[in-house]
N, C-alpha and C. Protein backbone atom coordinates (compact mmCIF):
# COMPACT_ATOMS: atom_id res chain seq x y z
N MET A 1 11.53 -20.01 16.01
CA MET A 1 10.34 -20.59 16.21
C MET A 1 9.77 -20.47 14.78
N LYS A 2 8.80 -21.57 14.45
CA LYS A 2 8.35 -21.98 12.94
C LYS A 2 6.99 -21.29 13.02
N LEU A 3 6.67 -20.57 11.95
CA LEU A 3 5.56 -19.93 11.91
C LEU A 3 4.35 -20.75 11.13
N LYS A 4 3.08 -20.86 11.40
CA LYS A 4 2.33 -21.61 10.76
C LYS A 4 1.43 -20.37 10.21
N TYR A 5 1.24 -20.31 8.74
CA TYR A 5 0.80 -19.24 7.84
C TYR A 5 -0.97 -19.69 8.15
N LEU A 6 -1.27 -18.34 8.97
CA LEU A 6 -2.94 -18.23 8.74
C LEU A 6 -3.72 -17.67 7.82
N LEU A 7 -4.01 -17.96 6.94
CA LEU A 7 -5.04 -17.75 6.09
C LEU A 7 -6.18 -17.52 6.06
N LEU A 8 -7.11 -18.07 7.19
CA LEU A 8 -8.54 -17.84 7.49
C LEU A 8 -9.10 -18.77 5.90
N SER A 9 -10.03 -17.17 5.64
CA SER A 9 -10.84 -17.30 4.34
C SER A 9 -10.16 -16.79 3.25
N TRP A 10 -8.92 -15.90 3.47
CA TRP A 10 -8.59 -15.43 2.40
C TRP A 10 -7.41 -15.94 1.38
N PRO A 11 -7.88 -16.09 -0.01
CA PRO A 11 -6.91 -17.03 -0.70
C PRO A 11 -5.56 -16.53 -0.75
N VAL A 12 -4.35 -17.31 -1.31
CA VAL A 12 -3.23 -16.70 -1.41
C VAL A 12 -2.81 -16.51 -3.02
N PHE A 13 -2.74 -15.35 -3.31
CA PHE A 13 -2.84 -14.58 -4.82
C PHE A 13 -1.13 -14.75 -5.27
N VAL A 14 -1.30 -15.39 -6.70
CA VAL A 14 0.06 -15.42 -7.42
C VAL A 14 0.29 -13.56 -7.52
N VAL A 15 1.58 -13.59 -7.17
CA VAL A 15 2.36 -12.14 -7.19
C VAL A 15 2.62 -11.85 -8.77
N ALA A 16 2.51 -11.14 -9.35
CA ALA A 16 2.99 -10.72 -10.71
C ALA A 16 4.41 -10.32 -10.62
N SER A 17 5.05 -10.68 -11.62
CA SER A 17 6.46 -10.27 -11.82
C SER A 17 6.83 -8.57 -11.53
N ALA A 18 7.92 -7.89 -11.31
CA ALA A 18 8.17 -6.61 -11.01
C ALA A 18 8.02 -6.26 -12.68
N ASN A 19 8.73 -7.33 -13.45
CA ASN A 19 8.77 -6.79 -14.75
C ASN A 19 7.51 -7.07 -15.80
N ALA A 20 6.40 -7.05 -15.33
CA ALA A 20 4.94 -7.67 -15.85
C ALA A 20 4.69 -6.16 -16.75
N GLU A 21 3.71 -6.49 -17.60
CA GLU A 21 3.00 -5.17 -17.94
C GLU A 21 2.24 -4.39 -16.80
N PRO A 22 2.17 -3.56 -16.69
CA PRO A 22 1.57 -2.23 -16.14
C PRO A 22 -0.11 -2.80 -15.93
N LEU A 23 -0.67 -3.08 -16.47
CA LEU A 23 -2.10 -3.55 -16.75
C LEU A 23 -2.93 -2.25 -16.57
N VAL A 24 -2.29 -1.39 -17.02
CA VAL A 24 -2.79 0.00 -17.21
C VAL A 24 -2.46 0.78 -18.47
N GLU A 25 -2.97 0.88 -18.81
CA GLU A 25 -2.89 1.65 -20.90
C GLU A 25 -2.47 3.46 -20.28
N GLY A 26 -1.10 3.44 -20.49
CA GLY A 26 -0.75 4.91 -20.09
C GLY A 26 0.38 5.36 -20.61
N SER A 27 0.69 6.52 -20.73
CA SER A 27 2.20 7.03 -21.14
C SER A 27 3.13 7.14 -20.22
N ALA A 28 4.50 6.61 -19.57
CA ALA A 28 5.04 6.71 -18.56
C ALA A 28 5.75 8.38 -18.85
N GLU A 29 6.20 8.57 -20.08
CA GLU A 29 6.64 10.18 -20.36
C GLU A 29 5.44 11.24 -20.18
N ALA A 30 4.32 11.06 -20.46
CA ALA A 30 3.23 11.88 -20.00
C ALA A 30 3.24 11.90 -18.71
N GLY A 31 3.35 10.99 -17.79
CA GLY A 31 3.13 10.82 -16.31
C GLY A 31 4.18 11.59 -15.99
N GLN A 32 5.34 11.75 -16.30
CA GLN A 32 6.62 11.94 -15.33
C GLN A 32 6.23 13.48 -15.95
N ALA A 33 5.96 14.07 -16.95
CA ALA A 33 5.57 15.77 -16.99
C ALA A 33 4.81 15.94 -16.17
N ARG A 34 3.42 15.25 -16.00
CA ARG A 34 2.37 15.52 -15.00
C ARG A 34 2.59 15.16 -13.84
N SER A 35 3.75 14.65 -13.03
CA SER A 35 4.21 14.60 -11.86
C SER A 35 4.94 15.67 -11.29
N VAL A 36 5.28 16.62 -11.86
CA VAL A 36 5.53 17.86 -11.15
C VAL A 36 5.08 18.39 -9.86
N THR A 37 3.96 18.67 -9.58
CA THR A 37 3.31 18.73 -8.68
C THR A 37 3.19 17.81 -7.41
N CYS A 38 3.18 16.19 -7.70
CA CYS A 38 3.26 15.16 -7.05
C CYS A 38 4.49 15.04 -6.32
N ALA A 39 5.55 15.46 -6.88
CA ALA A 39 7.08 15.72 -6.72
C ALA A 39 6.99 16.39 -5.16
N ALA A 40 6.28 17.59 -4.88
CA ALA A 40 6.43 18.11 -3.53
C ALA A 40 6.32 17.23 -2.29
N CYS A 41 5.21 16.14 -2.27
CA CYS A 41 5.31 15.51 -1.42
C CYS A 41 5.70 13.91 -1.61
N HIS A 42 5.64 13.61 -2.61
CA HIS A 42 6.00 12.29 -2.97
C HIS A 42 7.52 11.81 -3.59
N GLY A 43 8.26 13.11 -3.43
CA GLY A 43 9.65 12.96 -4.12
C GLY A 43 9.81 13.14 -6.01
N PRO A 44 10.96 13.48 -6.18
CA PRO A 44 10.94 13.34 -7.33
C PRO A 44 10.34 12.01 -8.57
N ASP A 45 11.15 11.06 -7.68
CA ASP A 45 10.99 9.67 -8.29
C ASP A 45 9.78 9.03 -7.50
N GLY A 46 8.87 9.45 -6.40
CA GLY A 46 8.34 8.54 -5.83
C GLY A 46 8.69 8.18 -4.77
N ASN A 47 9.75 8.60 -4.33
CA ASN A 47 10.25 8.26 -2.81
C ASN A 47 10.27 9.09 -2.01
N SER A 48 9.24 9.47 -1.40
CA SER A 48 8.74 10.26 -0.46
C SER A 48 10.04 10.34 0.96
N VAL A 49 10.54 11.39 1.19
CA VAL A 49 11.29 11.58 2.57
C VAL A 49 10.58 11.85 3.43
N ASN A 50 9.54 12.39 3.37
CA ASN A 50 8.67 12.59 4.65
C ASN A 50 7.62 11.27 5.06
N PRO A 51 7.87 10.64 6.29
CA PRO A 51 7.04 9.61 6.62
C PRO A 51 5.56 9.42 6.93
N VAL A 52 5.27 10.81 6.45
CA VAL A 52 3.97 10.69 6.69
C VAL A 52 2.97 10.61 5.37
N TRP A 53 3.78 10.77 4.19
CA TRP A 53 3.54 10.88 2.99
C TRP A 53 4.15 9.47 2.61
N PRO A 54 3.19 8.99 1.63
CA PRO A 54 3.40 7.77 1.00
C PRO A 54 4.53 7.58 0.01
N SER A 55 5.80 6.71 -0.13
CA SER A 55 6.58 6.38 -1.15
C SER A 55 5.35 5.91 -2.25
N ILE A 56 5.47 5.96 -3.30
CA ILE A 56 4.66 5.17 -4.88
C ILE A 56 5.56 4.85 -5.65
N ALA A 57 6.85 5.03 -5.74
CA ALA A 57 7.77 4.61 -6.58
C ALA A 57 7.71 2.92 -6.31
N GLY A 58 7.29 2.38 -7.78
CA GLY A 58 7.68 0.82 -7.84
C GLY A 58 5.61 0.23 -7.51
N GLN A 59 5.20 1.49 -7.09
CA GLN A 59 3.61 0.70 -6.75
C GLN A 59 3.03 0.03 -7.65
N ASN A 60 2.24 -0.83 -7.86
CA ASN A 60 1.47 -1.25 -9.24
C ASN A 60 0.49 -0.03 -9.65
N ALA A 61 0.84 -0.25 -10.99
CA ALA A 61 -0.42 0.94 -11.54
C ALA A 61 -1.87 0.83 -11.17
N ARG A 62 -2.28 -0.37 -11.25
CA ARG A 62 -3.89 -0.54 -10.98
C ARG A 62 -4.41 0.20 -10.05
N TYR A 63 -3.26 0.01 -8.69
CA TYR A 63 -3.68 0.26 -7.27
C TYR A 63 -3.44 1.82 -7.39
N ILE A 64 -2.44 2.57 -7.76
CA ILE A 64 -2.39 4.01 -8.25
C ILE A 64 -3.56 4.43 -8.57
N LEU A 65 -4.28 3.98 -9.90
CA LEU A 65 -5.08 4.65 -10.72
C LEU A 65 -6.37 4.17 -9.58
N LYS A 66 -6.70 3.30 -9.00
CA LYS A 66 -7.97 3.03 -8.25
C LYS A 66 -7.72 4.13 -6.92
N GLN A 67 -6.59 4.50 -6.55
CA GLN A 67 -6.56 5.62 -5.64
C GLN A 67 -6.92 6.48 -5.89
N LEU A 68 -6.46 7.20 -7.42
CA LEU A 68 -6.34 8.61 -7.49
C LEU A 68 -7.95 8.79 -8.11
N GLU A 69 -8.69 7.47 -8.38
CA GLU A 69 -10.10 7.07 -8.99
C GLU A 69 -11.13 7.78 -7.51
N ALA A 70 -10.37 7.01 -6.54
CA ALA A 70 -11.28 7.22 -5.35
C ALA A 70 -11.15 8.42 -4.71
N TYR A 71 -10.16 9.20 -4.56
CA TYR A 71 -9.77 10.36 -4.22
C TYR A 71 -10.60 11.58 -5.03
N LYS A 72 -10.85 11.30 -6.23
CA LYS A 72 -11.75 12.36 -7.26
C LYS A 72 -12.93 12.17 -6.94
N SER A 73 -13.33 10.50 -6.75
CA SER A 73 -15.00 10.21 -6.54
C SER A 73 -15.32 10.82 -4.85
N GLY A 74 -14.60 10.90 -4.06
CA GLY A 74 -14.55 10.96 -2.75
C GLY A 74 -14.73 9.79 -1.81
N THR A 75 -14.45 8.58 -2.72
CA THR A 75 -14.56 7.70 -1.98
C THR A 75 -13.21 7.56 -0.90
N ARG A 76 -12.30 7.93 -1.26
CA ARG A 76 -11.41 8.12 -0.26
C ARG A 76 -11.15 9.62 0.09
N ALA A 77 -11.07 9.80 1.42
CA ALA A 77 -10.66 11.46 1.72
C ALA A 77 -9.71 12.13 2.06
N ASP A 78 -9.06 13.14 1.68
CA ASP A 78 -7.62 13.73 2.19
C ASP A 78 -7.96 14.78 1.61
N PRO A 79 -7.83 16.12 2.21
CA PRO A 79 -8.10 17.78 1.77
C PRO A 79 -6.92 17.68 0.42
N LEU A 80 -5.43 17.32 0.93
CA LEU A 80 -4.79 17.76 -0.15
C LEU A 80 -4.77 16.76 -1.24
N MET A 81 -5.08 15.52 -0.97
CA MET A 81 -5.17 14.51 -2.48
C MET A 81 -6.18 14.70 -2.95
N THR A 82 -7.46 14.97 -2.34
CA THR A 82 -8.76 15.16 -3.14
C THR A 82 -8.38 16.54 -4.54
N SER A 83 -7.77 17.48 -3.74
CA SER A 83 -7.59 18.32 -4.41
C SER A 83 -6.68 18.74 -5.46
N GLN A 84 -5.62 17.66 -5.51
CA GLN A 84 -4.54 17.10 -6.59
C GLN A 84 -5.79 16.20 -7.44
N ALA A 85 -6.42 15.11 -6.97
CA ALA A 85 -7.15 14.49 -8.06
C ALA A 85 -8.11 14.90 -8.73
N MET A 86 -8.74 16.06 -8.52
CA MET A 86 -9.91 16.29 -8.60
C MET A 86 -9.54 17.20 -10.31
N PRO A 87 -8.59 17.80 -10.68
CA PRO A 87 -8.59 18.49 -11.88
C PRO A 87 -8.45 17.41 -12.83
N LEU A 88 -7.36 16.18 -12.58
CA LEU A 88 -6.89 15.29 -13.19
C LEU A 88 -8.30 14.39 -14.00
N SER A 89 -7.86 14.20 -15.74
CA SER A 89 -8.33 13.61 -16.61
C SER A 89 -8.09 12.03 -16.29
N ASP A 90 -9.11 11.09 -17.06
CA ASP A 90 -8.66 9.64 -16.74
C ASP A 90 -7.22 9.26 -17.54
N GLN A 91 -7.26 9.89 -18.48
CA GLN A 91 -6.04 9.25 -19.20
C GLN A 91 -5.03 10.24 -18.23
N GLU A 92 -4.78 11.26 -17.76
CA GLU A 92 -3.79 11.92 -17.02
C GLU A 92 -3.75 10.77 -15.65
N MET A 93 -4.91 10.28 -14.88
CA MET A 93 -4.12 9.51 -13.78
C MET A 93 -3.77 7.90 -14.64
N ARG A 94 -4.24 7.84 -15.56
CA ARG A 94 -3.69 6.05 -15.79
C ARG A 94 -1.87 6.56 -16.46
N ASP A 95 -1.45 8.12 -16.99
CA ASP A 95 -0.43 8.13 -17.08
C ASP A 95 0.71 8.02 -16.13
N LEU A 96 -0.06 9.16 -14.93
CA LEU A 96 0.58 9.17 -13.88
C LEU A 96 0.95 7.85 -12.75
N ALA A 97 -0.20 6.51 -13.10
CA ALA A 97 -0.06 5.45 -12.68
C ALA A 97 1.01 4.76 -13.17
N VAL A 98 0.99 4.90 -14.60
CA VAL A 98 2.25 4.00 -14.97
C VAL A 98 3.67 4.60 -15.24
N TYR A 99 3.53 5.91 -14.92
CA TYR A 99 4.99 6.54 -14.46
C TYR A 99 5.52 6.13 -13.34
N TYR A 100 5.04 6.26 -12.29
CA TYR A 100 5.14 5.67 -10.87
C TYR A 100 5.73 4.30 -10.87
N SER A 101 4.78 3.36 -11.49
CA SER A 101 4.92 2.08 -11.31
C SER A 101 6.26 1.38 -11.92
N GLY A 102 6.77 2.26 -12.66
CA GLY A 102 7.99 2.06 -13.04
C GLY A 102 9.09 2.43 -12.55
N GLN A 103 8.94 3.41 -11.17
CA GLN A 103 10.33 4.18 -10.53
C GLN A 103 10.53 2.79 -9.40
N THR A 104 11.58 2.95 -9.34
CA THR A 104 12.58 2.04 -8.15
C THR A 104 12.36 2.27 -6.75
N ALA A 105 11.49 1.84 -6.11
CA ALA A 105 11.34 1.77 -4.60
C ALA A 105 12.73 1.60 -3.75
N ALA A 106 12.86 2.62 -2.81
CA ALA A 106 14.17 2.95 -1.95
C ALA A 106 14.11 1.82 -0.67
N PRO A 107 15.19 0.89 -1.01
CA PRO A 107 14.84 -0.30 0.24
C PRO A 107 14.96 0.74 1.79
N ARG A 108 14.41 0.29 2.76
CA ARG A 108 14.59 0.71 3.82
C ARG A 108 14.41 -0.15 4.86
N ALA A 109 15.11 -0.08 6.29
CA ALA A 109 15.13 -0.90 7.45
C ALA A 109 14.01 -0.81 8.00
N VAL A 110 13.62 -1.81 8.95
CA VAL A 110 12.70 -1.70 9.74
C VAL A 110 12.93 -0.46 10.72
N ALA A 111 11.58 -0.08 11.26
CA ALA A 111 11.33 1.19 12.09
C ALA A 111 11.99 0.94 13.34
N ALA A 112 11.24 -0.16 13.93
CA ALA A 112 11.55 -0.33 15.51
C ALA A 112 12.00 -1.89 15.76
N PRO A 113 13.20 -1.90 15.69
CA PRO A 113 14.02 -3.47 15.71
C PRO A 113 13.76 -4.17 16.85
N GLU A 114 13.01 -3.69 17.87
CA GLU A 114 12.62 -4.34 19.09
C GLU A 114 10.96 -5.19 19.09
N THR A 115 10.59 -4.61 17.69
CA THR A 115 9.18 -5.20 17.54
C THR A 115 9.15 -6.51 16.16
N VAL A 116 9.94 -6.70 15.69
CA VAL A 116 10.44 -7.29 14.61
C VAL A 116 9.72 -8.69 14.64
N ASN A 117 10.07 -9.79 15.53
CA ASN A 117 9.62 -10.72 15.98
C ASN A 117 7.65 -10.55 16.04
N LYS A 118 7.19 -9.71 16.43
CA LYS A 118 5.87 -9.19 16.41
C LYS A 118 5.37 -9.04 15.40
N GLY A 119 5.98 -8.21 14.48
CA GLY A 119 5.46 -7.88 13.18
C GLY A 119 5.62 -8.77 12.12
N GLU A 120 6.51 -9.37 12.30
CA GLU A 120 6.69 -10.50 11.18
C GLU A 120 5.90 -11.74 11.44
N THR A 121 5.36 -11.99 12.78
CA THR A 121 4.45 -13.10 13.07
C THR A 121 2.97 -12.89 12.43
N LEU A 122 2.57 -11.65 12.65
CA LEU A 122 1.36 -10.84 12.44
C LEU A 122 1.81 -10.93 10.80
N TYR A 123 2.93 -10.48 9.94
CA TYR A 123 2.72 -10.53 8.96
C TYR A 123 2.67 -11.81 7.97
N ARG A 124 3.17 -12.70 8.28
CA ARG A 124 3.41 -13.89 7.98
C ARG A 124 2.28 -14.97 8.20
N GLY A 125 2.04 -14.83 9.81
CA GLY A 125 0.92 -16.11 10.27
C GLY A 125 -0.49 -15.49 10.84
N GLY A 126 -0.13 -14.00 10.62
CA GLY A 126 -1.75 -13.70 11.53
C GLY A 126 -1.70 -13.74 12.84
N ASP A 127 -3.01 -13.86 13.23
CA ASP A 127 -3.03 -13.74 14.64
C ASP A 127 -4.86 -14.62 14.42
N LYS A 128 -4.31 -15.99 14.70
CA LYS A 128 -5.66 -16.78 15.06
C LYS A 128 -6.36 -16.50 16.12
N GLU A 129 -6.43 -16.25 17.54
CA GLU A 129 -7.09 -15.95 18.35
C GLU A 129 -8.25 -14.92 17.96
N ASN A 130 -8.00 -13.67 17.39
CA ASN A 130 -8.36 -12.56 17.03
C ASN A 130 -8.52 -12.71 15.46
N ARG A 131 -8.47 -14.09 14.97
CA ARG A 131 -9.17 -14.00 13.83
C ARG A 131 -8.47 -12.74 12.74
N VAL A 132 -6.99 -12.69 12.67
CA VAL A 132 -6.58 -11.70 12.03
C VAL A 132 -5.87 -12.19 10.81
N ALA A 133 -5.90 -12.42 9.19
CA ALA A 133 -5.43 -13.09 8.35
C ALA A 133 -3.96 -12.50 8.16
N ALA A 134 -3.14 -13.54 7.94
CA ALA A 134 -1.76 -13.29 7.67
C ALA A 134 -1.65 -12.07 6.43
N CYS A 135 -0.92 -11.10 6.45
CA CYS A 135 -0.80 -9.97 5.59
C CYS A 135 -0.12 -10.60 4.19
N LEU A 136 0.66 -11.50 4.21
CA LEU A 136 1.07 -12.38 2.86
C LEU A 136 -0.19 -12.76 2.24
N ALA A 137 -0.94 -13.03 2.29
CA ALA A 137 -2.06 -13.74 1.76
C ALA A 137 -2.56 -12.98 0.51
N CYS A 138 -2.44 -11.58 0.62
CA CYS A 138 -2.93 -10.47 -0.57
C CYS A 138 -1.64 -10.05 -0.98
N HIS A 139 -0.65 -9.51 0.22
CA HIS A 139 0.21 -8.43 -0.26
C HIS A 139 1.83 -9.42 -0.46
N GLY A 140 1.72 -10.74 -0.21
CA GLY A 140 2.60 -11.47 -0.84
C GLY A 140 3.78 -11.69 0.43
N PRO A 141 4.68 -12.79 0.30
CA PRO A 141 5.72 -12.91 1.55
C PRO A 141 6.90 -11.78 1.68
N THR A 142 7.04 -11.23 0.22
CA THR A 142 7.78 -9.90 0.51
C THR A 142 7.26 -8.43 0.15
N GLY A 143 6.17 -8.53 0.22
CA GLY A 143 5.18 -7.49 0.44
C GLY A 143 5.42 -6.32 -0.98
N ARG A 144 5.57 -7.47 -2.42
CA ARG A 144 5.23 -6.87 -3.25
C ARG A 144 3.93 -6.68 -4.08
N GLY A 145 2.63 -7.01 -3.33
CA GLY A 145 1.57 -6.98 -3.62
C GLY A 145 0.93 -8.22 -4.71
N ASN A 146 -0.26 -7.66 -5.38
CA ASN A 146 -0.64 -8.02 -6.42
C ASN A 146 -1.38 -7.54 -7.45
N PRO A 147 -0.50 -6.79 -8.47
CA PRO A 147 -0.80 -5.96 -9.40
C PRO A 147 -2.10 -6.52 -10.13
N ALA A 148 -2.29 -7.76 -10.49
CA ALA A 148 -3.45 -8.18 -11.50
C ALA A 148 -4.59 -7.82 -10.69
N ALA A 149 -4.77 -7.79 -9.07
CA ALA A 149 -5.88 -7.84 -8.01
C ALA A 149 -6.22 -6.18 -7.89
N ALA A 150 -5.01 -5.53 -8.05
CA ALA A 150 -4.62 -4.44 -7.18
C ALA A 150 -4.42 -4.23 -6.13
N TYR A 151 -3.93 -5.48 -5.51
CA TYR A 151 -3.64 -5.49 -4.01
C TYR A 151 -2.02 -4.65 -3.86
N PRO A 152 -1.88 -3.44 -3.16
CA PRO A 152 -0.63 -2.93 -3.07
C PRO A 152 0.83 -3.16 -2.66
N LEU A 153 1.70 -3.05 -3.28
CA LEU A 153 3.26 -3.44 -2.52
C LEU A 153 3.26 -2.52 -1.66
N LEU A 154 3.49 -3.01 -0.57
CA LEU A 154 3.83 -2.49 0.77
C LEU A 154 5.36 -2.63 1.33
N LYS A 155 6.41 -3.34 0.56
CA LYS A 155 7.53 -3.45 1.06
C LYS A 155 8.20 -1.85 1.06
N GLY A 156 9.01 -1.61 2.07
CA GLY A 156 9.59 -0.44 2.22
C GLY A 156 8.64 0.82 2.31
N GLN A 157 7.30 0.62 2.66
CA GLN A 157 6.63 1.82 2.73
C GLN A 157 6.87 2.39 4.48
N HIS A 158 7.09 3.71 4.08
CA HIS A 158 7.21 4.40 5.75
C HIS A 158 6.17 3.93 6.69
N ALA A 159 6.80 3.30 8.23
CA ALA A 159 6.03 3.42 9.12
C ALA A 159 4.78 3.79 9.59
N PRO A 160 5.15 4.98 9.84
CA PRO A 160 4.08 5.94 10.07
C PRO A 160 2.72 6.06 9.02
N TYR A 161 2.93 5.96 8.17
CA TYR A 161 2.10 6.36 6.81
C TYR A 161 1.30 5.19 6.62
N THR A 162 1.96 3.61 7.03
CA THR A 162 1.18 2.23 6.93
C THR A 162 0.37 2.38 8.23
N ALA A 163 1.20 2.80 9.57
CA ALA A 163 0.13 3.02 10.97
C ALA A 163 -1.12 3.62 10.86
N THR A 164 -0.97 4.80 9.97
CA THR A 164 -2.13 5.61 10.09
C THR A 164 -3.36 4.97 9.11
N GLN A 165 -2.78 4.37 8.14
CA GLN A 165 -3.87 3.66 7.01
C GLN A 165 -4.45 2.77 8.00
N LEU A 166 -3.98 2.04 8.44
CA LEU A 166 -4.48 0.91 9.49
C LEU A 166 -5.24 1.59 10.53
N ARG A 167 -5.30 2.47 11.29
CA ARG A 167 -5.80 3.04 12.11
C ARG A 167 -7.06 3.53 11.57
N ASN A 168 -6.73 4.28 10.57
CA ASN A 168 -8.17 4.84 9.46
C ASN A 168 -9.22 3.34 8.91
N TYR A 169 -8.68 2.37 8.42
CA TYR A 169 -9.14 1.47 8.18
C TYR A 169 -9.68 0.83 9.42
N ALA A 170 -9.51 0.99 10.63
CA ALA A 170 -10.32 0.27 12.17
C ALA A 170 -11.09 1.22 12.16
N ASN A 171 -11.17 2.56 11.99
CA ASN A 171 -12.23 3.57 12.60
C ASN A 171 -12.94 3.96 11.45
N GLY A 172 -12.68 3.26 10.88
CA GLY A 172 -13.89 3.21 9.27
C GLY A 172 -13.72 4.49 8.85
N GLN A 173 -12.50 5.48 8.76
CA GLN A 173 -12.09 6.67 8.28
C GLN A 173 -11.89 6.52 6.93
N ARG A 174 -11.00 5.47 6.35
CA ARG A 174 -10.76 5.04 5.13
C ARG A 174 -11.55 3.84 4.62
N LYS A 175 -12.81 3.89 3.94
CA LYS A 175 -13.28 2.78 3.01
C LYS A 175 -12.96 2.66 1.67
N SER A 176 -11.74 3.06 1.54
CA SER A 176 -11.40 2.49 0.10
C SER A 176 -11.08 0.72 -0.13
N ASP A 177 -11.56 0.23 0.70
CA ASP A 177 -11.51 -1.30 0.41
C ASP A 177 -12.73 -1.85 -0.22
N GLY A 178 -13.59 -0.72 -0.11
CA GLY A 178 -14.77 -1.14 -1.21
C GLY A 178 -15.76 -1.81 -0.22
N PRO A 179 -16.73 -3.04 -1.06
CA PRO A 179 -18.06 -3.91 -0.48
C PRO A 179 -17.32 -4.99 0.20
N THR A 180 -15.90 -5.27 -0.13
CA THR A 180 -15.33 -6.53 0.58
C THR A 180 -15.07 -6.20 2.05
N ARG A 181 -14.79 -5.03 2.56
CA ARG A 181 -14.36 -4.54 3.63
C ARG A 181 -13.33 -5.18 4.57
N VAL A 182 -12.42 -5.93 3.24
CA VAL A 182 -11.21 -6.56 4.05
C VAL A 182 -10.26 -6.04 4.74
N MET A 183 -9.93 -4.60 4.42
CA MET A 183 -9.02 -4.11 5.07
C MET A 183 -9.60 -3.85 6.58
N ARG A 184 -10.74 -3.03 6.38
CA ARG A 184 -11.77 -2.58 7.49
C ARG A 184 -11.56 -3.67 8.59
N ASP A 185 -12.25 -4.84 8.11
CA ASP A 185 -12.58 -6.08 9.09
C ASP A 185 -11.13 -6.23 9.55
N ILE A 186 -10.03 -6.36 9.06
CA ILE A 186 -8.72 -6.71 9.62
C ILE A 186 -8.04 -6.03 10.87
N ALA A 187 -8.47 -4.67 10.33
CA ALA A 187 -7.49 -3.52 10.97
C ALA A 187 -8.51 -3.44 12.23
N ALA A 188 -9.81 -3.62 12.19
CA ALA A 188 -10.47 -3.45 13.70
C ALA A 188 -10.09 -3.97 14.62
N ARG A 189 -9.14 -5.60 14.16
CA ARG A 189 -8.95 -6.73 15.01
C ARG A 189 -7.55 -6.65 15.55
N LEU A 190 -7.13 -5.43 15.03
CA LEU A 190 -5.60 -4.98 15.75
C LEU A 190 -5.41 -4.26 16.96
N GLU A 191 -4.66 -4.59 17.93
CA GLU A 191 -4.70 -3.90 18.72
C GLU A 191 -3.62 -2.91 18.45
N GLU A 192 -3.04 -1.60 19.29
CA GLU A 192 -2.30 -0.73 18.73
C GLU A 192 -0.80 -0.87 18.57
N ASP A 193 -0.65 -2.07 19.59
CA ASP A 193 1.01 -2.41 19.20
C ASP A 193 0.94 -3.44 18.08
N ASP A 194 -0.10 -4.02 18.03
CA ASP A 194 -0.21 -4.85 16.68
C ASP A 194 0.50 -3.60 15.39
N ILE A 195 -0.51 -2.70 15.50
CA ILE A 195 -0.35 -1.77 14.27
C ILE A 195 1.24 -1.46 14.13
N VAL A 196 1.62 -0.96 15.18
CA VAL A 196 2.85 -0.36 15.28
C VAL A 196 3.83 -1.55 14.77
N ALA A 197 3.54 -2.73 15.58
CA ALA A 197 4.99 -3.49 14.86
C ALA A 197 4.62 -4.26 13.53
N VAL A 198 3.75 -4.36 12.95
CA VAL A 198 3.48 -5.04 11.43
C VAL A 198 3.92 -3.69 10.66
N ALA A 199 3.49 -2.36 11.09
CA ALA A 199 4.08 -1.48 10.07
C ALA A 199 5.37 -1.05 9.98
N SER A 200 6.11 -1.38 11.17
CA SER A 200 7.84 -1.16 11.21
C SER A 200 8.10 -2.44 10.38
N TYR A 201 7.47 -3.61 10.78
CA TYR A 201 8.25 -4.67 10.09
C TYR A 201 8.08 -4.48 8.56
N ILE A 202 6.72 -4.03 7.70
CA ILE A 202 6.81 -3.80 6.28
C ILE A 202 7.66 -2.84 5.63
N GLN A 203 7.74 -1.67 6.70
CA GLN A 203 9.17 -0.96 6.16
C GLN A 203 10.36 -1.54 5.84
N GLY A 204 10.60 -2.35 6.47
CA GLY A 204 11.61 -3.28 6.40
C GLY A 204 11.92 -4.55 5.36
N LEU A 205 10.86 -4.65 4.79
CA LEU A 205 10.81 -5.53 3.66
C LEU A 205 11.43 -5.36 2.50
N LYS A 206 12.33 -6.38 1.69
CA LYS A 206 13.06 -5.89 0.91
C LYS A 206 12.33 -7.47 -0.44
C-alpha cells in the first residue's frame, strides 16, 4: 500500500542531527552527578525498564528542560515528577537535560505487531477523515524529533507511556503543549485503537 503523507496545516521541520549541539548550556558531568535520584525510575543511563516511566536517554535537551520547567511551574502535573523538579535550580535542570541528551536510547521492537500497519499509517500518513496530522510532520520519519523546536524524540519510547500521554492530552489532563494545543487537538481526534496502534509503532521506530 502506498501511503500519502497527510500534513494538514502542520509544517515539516528539518530534524537536527543526533550529533548536533544540545542547544542548552549545561554540564553533562554535573548532570550525571545530579541524576542519581532520577535513575530510580528512568534507569542509570536514562533507559527505563518500567514501561510506565519514560526512557529519556537521547531525548533532546531543549525538550527535557521544558518538561522539567513545566513540572516545576505546575504546567505539567505528576506527583512524583513535581516533587523531584521543585528543588532543582535552573542550572541543575540544564545540566540534567544535557546529560540525558548525550545518552544512547535502547532500541525496542513494536509492542503489538498485529497493529503495525494501522500504527504506521497513522504515524506516516495521518487520518484525513478525522483531520489527524501525520506524526512525522513534527517528530520526523524515524521519530528523532526536532531539537531546535523542542519537539521530542519518540523512537523506542515505551508504548504504555506514549499511550498514556496521548490519553492525557486527549482529555486535557496534560497541557504542556502550551497555547498551540497541537497535541491536545490531535490526540482528541484519536480513537482508543488508534492510540494503541501508533504507540506500539513508535516503540519500534529505529
